[in-house]
Amino acid sequence: ITFSETDYEGVRLHHDDPVVVTLQVELLTMKRILIDSGSSADILFKHVFDQLRIMADQLRPVKTSLVGFAGDMVHPLGSINLSVVASTTTRQTQVQMTFLVVDTPSPYNAIVGRP
């Protein structure tokens, strides 16, 4: 995801506002995806994983724990590769992303990490 000068129109710089986007994940248009520049993990929350109607046996085991959800340690249910499309009316890109699926409450549907 890149931003041009026109994306900054009307934005006061030196702000801390979260960047929240809409992406197409598999065939689901997913809103409320947080771009987290302080994370290296791509997270998908279980309530959205369930909406994708993918069987849980498609998850690959993960031995890593995550830290940072209210300071607690979170153990992913597994990982899964999903097709993600970012688009505008004139441009589109599609990538495969590996998401860690976690069963924890969140105001977001997913977090895309960008270290």
N, C-alpha and C. Protein backbone atom coordinates (compact mmCIF):
# COMPACT_ATOMS: atom_id res chain seq x y z
N ILE A 1 0.86 -1.17 0.00
CA ILE A 1 0.00 0.00 0.00
C ILE A 1 0.90 1.22 0.00
N THR A 2 0.67 2.11 -0.91
CA THR A 2 1.43 3.35 -0.97
C THR A 2 0.47 4.53 -0.99
N PHE A 3 0.98 5.68 -0.60
CA PHE A 3 0.18 6.90 -0.57
C PHE A 3 0.90 7.97 -1.36
N SER A 4 0.14 8.79 -2.08
CA SER A 4 0.71 9.88 -2.86
C SER A 4 0.40 11.20 -2.17
N GLU A 5 0.92 12.27 -2.73
CA GLU A 5 0.69 13.61 -2.18
C GLU A 5 -0.80 13.93 -2.12
N THR A 6 -1.59 13.46 -3.09
CA THR A 6 -3.02 13.77 -3.08
C THR A 6 -3.73 13.11 -1.90
N ASP A 7 -3.16 12.02 -1.37
CA ASP A 7 -3.76 11.38 -0.20
C ASP A 7 -3.60 12.23 1.06
N TYR A 8 -2.66 13.16 1.03
CA TYR A 8 -2.41 14.01 2.19
C TYR A 8 -3.24 15.29 2.18
N GLU A 9 -4.03 15.50 1.13
CA GLU A 9 -4.86 16.71 1.07
C GLU A 9 -5.82 16.73 2.25
N GLY A 10 -5.81 17.82 3.00
CA GLY A 10 -6.70 17.99 4.14
C GLY A 10 -6.25 17.28 5.41
N VAL A 11 -5.07 16.69 5.38
CA VAL A 11 -4.54 15.98 6.56
C VAL A 11 -3.49 16.86 7.23
N ARG A 12 -3.64 17.04 8.53
CA ARG A 12 -2.62 17.77 9.28
C ARG A 12 -1.49 16.80 9.58
N LEU A 13 -0.29 17.16 9.16
CA LEU A 13 0.83 16.26 9.35
C LEU A 13 1.31 16.25 10.79
N HIS A 14 2.14 15.26 11.07
CA HIS A 14 2.66 14.97 12.40
C HIS A 14 1.52 14.58 13.33
N HIS A 15 0.71 13.67 12.84
CA HIS A 15 -0.42 13.17 13.62
C HIS A 15 -0.17 11.70 13.97
N ASP A 16 -0.97 11.18 14.86
CA ASP A 16 -0.88 9.79 15.30
C ASP A 16 -2.10 8.98 14.93
N ASP A 17 -2.89 9.48 14.05
CA ASP A 17 -4.14 8.80 13.73
C ASP A 17 -3.87 7.44 13.12
N PRO A 18 -4.66 6.44 13.49
CA PRO A 18 -4.46 5.12 12.89
C PRO A 18 -4.88 5.12 11.42
N VAL A 19 -4.20 4.31 10.64
CA VAL A 19 -4.58 4.13 9.24
C VAL A 19 -5.45 2.88 9.18
N VAL A 20 -6.70 3.08 8.78
CA VAL A 20 -7.66 1.98 8.70
C VAL A 20 -8.15 1.92 7.26
N VAL A 21 -8.08 0.72 6.66
CA VAL A 21 -8.41 0.56 5.25
C VAL A 21 -9.46 -0.53 5.06
N THR A 22 -9.95 -0.62 3.84
CA THR A 22 -10.83 -1.70 3.41
C THR A 22 -10.10 -2.48 2.33
N LEU A 23 -10.06 -3.80 2.47
CA LEU A 23 -9.42 -4.68 1.50
C LEU A 23 -10.35 -5.84 1.19
N GLN A 24 -10.13 -6.47 0.06
CA GLN A 24 -10.87 -7.68 -0.26
C GLN A 24 -10.00 -8.86 0.17
N VAL A 25 -10.50 -9.66 1.10
CA VAL A 25 -9.80 -10.84 1.59
C VAL A 25 -10.61 -12.05 1.14
N GLU A 26 -9.96 -12.88 0.30
CA GLU A 26 -10.67 -13.94 -0.40
C GLU A 26 -11.83 -13.27 -1.14
N LEU A 27 -13.06 -13.61 -0.89
CA LEU A 27 -14.18 -12.97 -1.59
C LEU A 27 -14.96 -12.01 -0.70
N LEU A 28 -14.42 -11.72 0.47
CA LEU A 28 -15.10 -10.86 1.44
C LEU A 28 -14.48 -9.46 1.42
N THR A 29 -15.32 -8.44 1.23
CA THR A 29 -14.85 -7.07 1.35
C THR A 29 -14.78 -6.77 2.84
N MET A 30 -13.56 -6.58 3.33
CA MET A 30 -13.34 -6.46 4.76
C MET A 30 -13.00 -5.02 5.10
N LYS A 31 -13.82 -4.41 5.94
CA LYS A 31 -13.58 -3.06 6.43
C LYS A 31 -12.87 -3.14 7.78
N ARG A 32 -12.43 -1.99 8.29
CA ARG A 32 -11.79 -1.87 9.59
C ARG A 32 -10.54 -2.75 9.72
N ILE A 33 -9.62 -2.60 8.76
CA ILE A 33 -8.32 -3.26 8.83
C ILE A 33 -7.30 -2.21 9.24
N LEU A 34 -6.66 -2.45 10.37
CA LEU A 34 -5.67 -1.51 10.89
C LEU A 34 -4.31 -1.80 10.27
N ILE A 35 -3.66 -0.76 9.75
CA ILE A 35 -2.28 -0.87 9.29
C ILE A 35 -1.41 -0.48 10.48
N ASP A 36 -0.65 -1.44 10.99
CA ASP A 36 0.13 -1.23 12.20
C ASP A 36 1.61 -1.20 11.86
N SER A 37 2.18 0.01 11.86
CA SER A 37 3.58 0.16 11.49
C SER A 37 4.53 -0.34 12.57
N GLY A 38 4.01 -0.73 13.72
CA GLY A 38 4.86 -1.24 14.78
C GLY A 38 4.81 -2.74 14.93
N SER A 39 4.17 -3.42 14.00
CA SER A 39 4.00 -4.87 14.10
C SER A 39 4.55 -5.56 12.87
N SER A 40 5.08 -6.75 13.06
CA SER A 40 5.55 -7.54 11.91
C SER A 40 4.58 -8.67 11.58
N ALA A 41 3.51 -8.80 12.35
CA ALA A 41 2.56 -9.89 12.15
C ALA A 41 1.29 -9.39 11.47
N ASP A 42 0.72 -10.22 10.61
CA ASP A 42 -0.60 -9.96 10.02
C ASP A 42 -1.59 -10.81 10.80
N ILE A 43 -2.59 -10.16 11.39
CA ILE A 43 -3.52 -10.81 12.30
C ILE A 43 -4.92 -10.81 11.70
N LEU A 44 -5.59 -11.94 11.80
CA LEU A 44 -7.00 -12.05 11.42
C LEU A 44 -7.74 -12.53 12.65
N PHE A 45 -8.79 -11.84 13.01
CA PHE A 45 -9.53 -12.20 14.21
C PHE A 45 -10.54 -13.30 13.89
N LYS A 46 -10.76 -14.18 14.87
CA LYS A 46 -11.55 -15.39 14.65
C LYS A 46 -12.96 -15.09 14.14
N HIS A 47 -13.59 -14.03 14.61
CA HIS A 47 -14.95 -13.74 14.15
C HIS A 47 -14.99 -13.50 12.63
N VAL A 48 -13.91 -12.97 12.07
CA VAL A 48 -13.84 -12.77 10.62
C VAL A 48 -13.46 -14.08 9.92
N PHE A 49 -12.54 -14.84 10.51
CA PHE A 49 -12.20 -16.15 9.97
C PHE A 49 -13.45 -17.00 9.82
N ASP A 50 -14.33 -16.95 10.82
CA ASP A 50 -15.58 -17.72 10.75
C ASP A 50 -16.48 -17.22 9.61
N GLN A 51 -16.49 -15.91 9.35
CA GLN A 51 -17.29 -15.36 8.26
C GLN A 51 -16.78 -15.80 6.89
N LEU A 52 -15.49 -16.10 6.80
CA LEU A 52 -14.92 -16.57 5.53
C LEU A 52 -15.33 -18.00 5.22
N ARG A 53 -15.89 -18.69 6.20
CA ARG A 53 -16.37 -20.07 6.05
C ARG A 53 -15.26 -21.02 5.60
N ILE A 54 -14.09 -20.81 6.16
CA ILE A 54 -12.96 -21.71 5.93
C ILE A 54 -12.93 -22.68 7.10
N MET A 55 -12.76 -23.94 6.80
CA MET A 55 -12.72 -24.95 7.85
C MET A 55 -11.48 -24.76 8.73
N ALA A 56 -11.65 -24.95 10.03
CA ALA A 56 -10.55 -24.77 10.98
C ALA A 56 -9.39 -25.71 10.70
N ASP A 57 -9.66 -26.85 10.05
CA ASP A 57 -8.57 -27.78 9.77
C ASP A 57 -7.64 -27.26 8.67
N GLN A 58 -7.99 -26.13 8.05
CA GLN A 58 -7.12 -25.49 7.06
C GLN A 58 -6.01 -24.66 7.72
N LEU A 59 -6.16 -24.42 9.02
CA LEU A 59 -5.14 -23.65 9.75
C LEU A 59 -3.90 -24.51 9.97
N ARG A 60 -2.75 -23.89 9.75
CA ARG A 60 -1.48 -24.56 10.03
C ARG A 60 -1.07 -24.24 11.47
N PRO A 61 -0.54 -25.22 12.18
CA PRO A 61 -0.14 -24.97 13.58
C PRO A 61 0.95 -23.89 13.66
N VAL A 62 0.89 -23.12 14.74
CA VAL A 62 1.87 -22.06 15.00
C VAL A 62 2.35 -22.23 16.43
N LYS A 63 3.66 -22.18 16.62
CA LYS A 63 4.22 -22.34 17.96
C LYS A 63 4.54 -21.01 18.62
N THR A 64 4.38 -19.92 17.90
CA THR A 64 4.74 -18.60 18.40
C THR A 64 3.57 -17.98 19.15
N SER A 65 3.86 -17.26 20.20
CA SER A 65 2.84 -16.48 20.92
C SER A 65 2.99 -15.02 20.53
N LEU A 66 1.93 -14.28 20.69
CA LEU A 66 1.94 -12.84 20.41
C LEU A 66 1.83 -12.09 21.72
N VAL A 67 2.50 -10.96 21.80
CA VAL A 67 2.41 -10.10 22.97
C VAL A 67 1.97 -8.73 22.47
N GLY A 68 1.12 -8.09 23.23
CA GLY A 68 0.75 -6.74 22.85
C GLY A 68 -0.74 -6.48 22.91
N PHE A 69 -1.54 -7.49 23.05
CA PHE A 69 -2.97 -7.32 23.19
C PHE A 69 -3.23 -7.06 24.68
N ALA A 70 -3.27 -5.80 25.06
CA ALA A 70 -3.46 -5.38 26.44
C ALA A 70 -2.38 -5.96 27.34
N GLY A 71 -1.19 -6.20 26.77
CA GLY A 71 -0.07 -6.72 27.54
C GLY A 71 -0.13 -8.21 27.79
N ASP A 72 -1.19 -8.85 27.34
CA ASP A 72 -1.34 -10.28 27.55
C ASP A 72 -0.64 -11.06 26.46
N MET A 73 -0.37 -12.32 26.75
CA MET A 73 0.18 -13.22 25.76
C MET A 73 -1.01 -13.91 25.07
N VAL A 74 -1.00 -13.92 23.75
CA VAL A 74 -2.07 -14.53 22.97
C VAL A 74 -1.49 -15.65 22.13
N HIS A 75 -2.13 -16.81 22.16
CA HIS A 75 -1.67 -17.95 21.38
C HIS A 75 -2.55 -18.06 20.14
N PRO A 76 -1.97 -17.92 18.95
CA PRO A 76 -2.76 -18.03 17.72
C PRO A 76 -3.38 -19.42 17.58
N LEU A 77 -4.55 -19.46 16.97
CA LEU A 77 -5.20 -20.73 16.66
C LEU A 77 -4.46 -21.43 15.53
N GLY A 78 -3.73 -20.66 14.71
CA GLY A 78 -2.98 -21.19 13.59
C GLY A 78 -2.74 -20.08 12.58
N SER A 79 -2.15 -20.46 11.46
CA SER A 79 -1.91 -19.49 10.39
C SER A 79 -2.55 -19.99 9.10
N ILE A 80 -2.82 -19.05 8.22
CA ILE A 80 -3.44 -19.39 6.94
C ILE A 80 -3.04 -18.37 5.89
N ASN A 81 -2.81 -18.85 4.66
CA ASN A 81 -2.52 -17.96 3.53
C ASN A 81 -3.84 -17.57 2.88
N LEU A 82 -4.03 -16.28 2.67
CA LEU A 82 -5.25 -15.78 2.04
C LEU A 82 -4.90 -14.79 0.95
N SER A 83 -5.74 -14.75 -0.07
CA SER A 83 -5.59 -13.79 -1.15
C SER A 83 -6.16 -12.45 -0.69
N VAL A 84 -5.36 -11.38 -0.87
CA VAL A 84 -5.77 -10.04 -0.47
C VAL A 84 -5.66 -9.12 -1.68
N VAL A 85 -6.72 -8.36 -1.94
CA VAL A 85 -6.74 -7.42 -3.06
C VAL A 85 -6.93 -6.02 -2.50
N ALA A 86 -6.03 -5.12 -2.89
CA ALA A 86 -6.16 -3.70 -2.60
C ALA A 86 -6.41 -3.01 -3.93
N SER A 87 -7.43 -2.14 -3.97
CA SER A 87 -7.73 -1.53 -5.27
C SER A 87 -8.32 -0.15 -5.11
N THR A 88 -8.19 0.59 -6.20
CA THR A 88 -8.90 1.84 -6.40
C THR A 88 -9.63 1.66 -7.72
N THR A 89 -10.26 2.69 -8.20
CA THR A 89 -10.98 2.57 -9.47
C THR A 89 -10.04 2.38 -10.65
N THR A 90 -8.77 2.79 -10.51
CA THR A 90 -7.86 2.70 -11.65
C THR A 90 -6.73 1.69 -11.47
N ARG A 91 -6.48 1.24 -10.24
CA ARG A 91 -5.36 0.32 -9.99
C ARG A 91 -5.78 -0.77 -9.03
N GLN A 92 -5.12 -1.93 -9.18
CA GLN A 92 -5.42 -3.05 -8.29
C GLN A 92 -4.17 -3.90 -8.13
N THR A 93 -3.97 -4.42 -6.94
CA THR A 93 -2.90 -5.37 -6.70
C THR A 93 -3.41 -6.51 -5.84
N GLN A 94 -2.93 -7.70 -6.12
CA GLN A 94 -3.34 -8.89 -5.38
C GLN A 94 -2.09 -9.58 -4.84
N VAL A 95 -2.11 -9.94 -3.56
CA VAL A 95 -1.00 -10.64 -2.92
C VAL A 95 -1.54 -11.77 -2.06
N GLN A 96 -0.68 -12.74 -1.79
CA GLN A 96 -0.97 -13.78 -0.81
C GLN A 96 -0.37 -13.33 0.50
N MET A 97 -1.14 -13.35 1.56
CA MET A 97 -0.64 -12.95 2.88
C MET A 97 -0.86 -14.10 3.85
N THR A 98 0.06 -14.25 4.77
CA THR A 98 -0.08 -15.25 5.82
C THR A 98 -0.57 -14.55 7.08
N PHE A 99 -1.77 -14.92 7.51
CA PHE A 99 -2.39 -14.34 8.69
C PHE A 99 -2.30 -15.31 9.86
N LEU A 100 -2.04 -14.76 11.04
CA LEU A 100 -2.19 -15.51 12.27
C LEU A 100 -3.62 -15.29 12.75
N VAL A 101 -4.34 -16.36 13.01
CA VAL A 101 -5.74 -16.25 13.45
C VAL A 101 -5.75 -16.30 14.97
N VAL A 102 -6.36 -15.27 15.58
CA VAL A 102 -6.43 -15.20 17.04
C VAL A 102 -7.87 -15.04 17.48
N ASP A 103 -8.18 -15.63 18.62
CA ASP A 103 -9.52 -15.56 19.19
C ASP A 103 -9.49 -14.61 20.38
N THR A 104 -9.55 -13.32 20.07
CA THR A 104 -9.54 -12.28 21.09
C THR A 104 -10.39 -11.12 20.58
N PRO A 105 -11.05 -10.38 21.46
CA PRO A 105 -11.87 -9.25 21.00
C PRO A 105 -11.03 -8.14 20.39
N SER A 106 -11.59 -7.47 19.39
CA SER A 106 -10.91 -6.35 18.76
C SER A 106 -11.93 -5.48 18.03
N PRO A 107 -11.71 -4.17 18.01
CA PRO A 107 -12.58 -3.30 17.21
C PRO A 107 -12.27 -3.44 15.72
N TYR A 108 -11.15 -4.08 15.39
CA TYR A 108 -10.74 -4.26 14.00
C TYR A 108 -11.05 -5.68 13.55
N ASN A 109 -11.14 -5.86 12.24
CA ASN A 109 -11.33 -7.20 11.68
C ASN A 109 -10.01 -7.89 11.42
N ALA A 110 -8.99 -7.08 11.15
CA ALA A 110 -7.65 -7.61 10.90
C ALA A 110 -6.64 -6.52 11.19
N ILE A 111 -5.40 -6.94 11.36
CA ILE A 111 -4.28 -6.02 11.51
C ILE A 111 -3.23 -6.44 10.49
N VAL A 112 -2.81 -5.48 9.68
CA VAL A 112 -1.73 -5.73 8.72
C VAL A 112 -0.48 -5.07 9.29
N GLY A 113 0.51 -5.88 9.61
CA GLY A 113 1.73 -5.37 10.22
C GLY A 113 2.70 -4.85 9.18
N ARG A 114 3.32 -3.75 9.49
CA ARG A 114 4.34 -3.16 8.63
C ARG A 114 5.46 -2.68 9.52
N PRO A 115 6.49 -3.53 9.75
CA PRO A 115 7.56 -3.16 10.68
C PRO A 115 8.39 -1.99 10.17
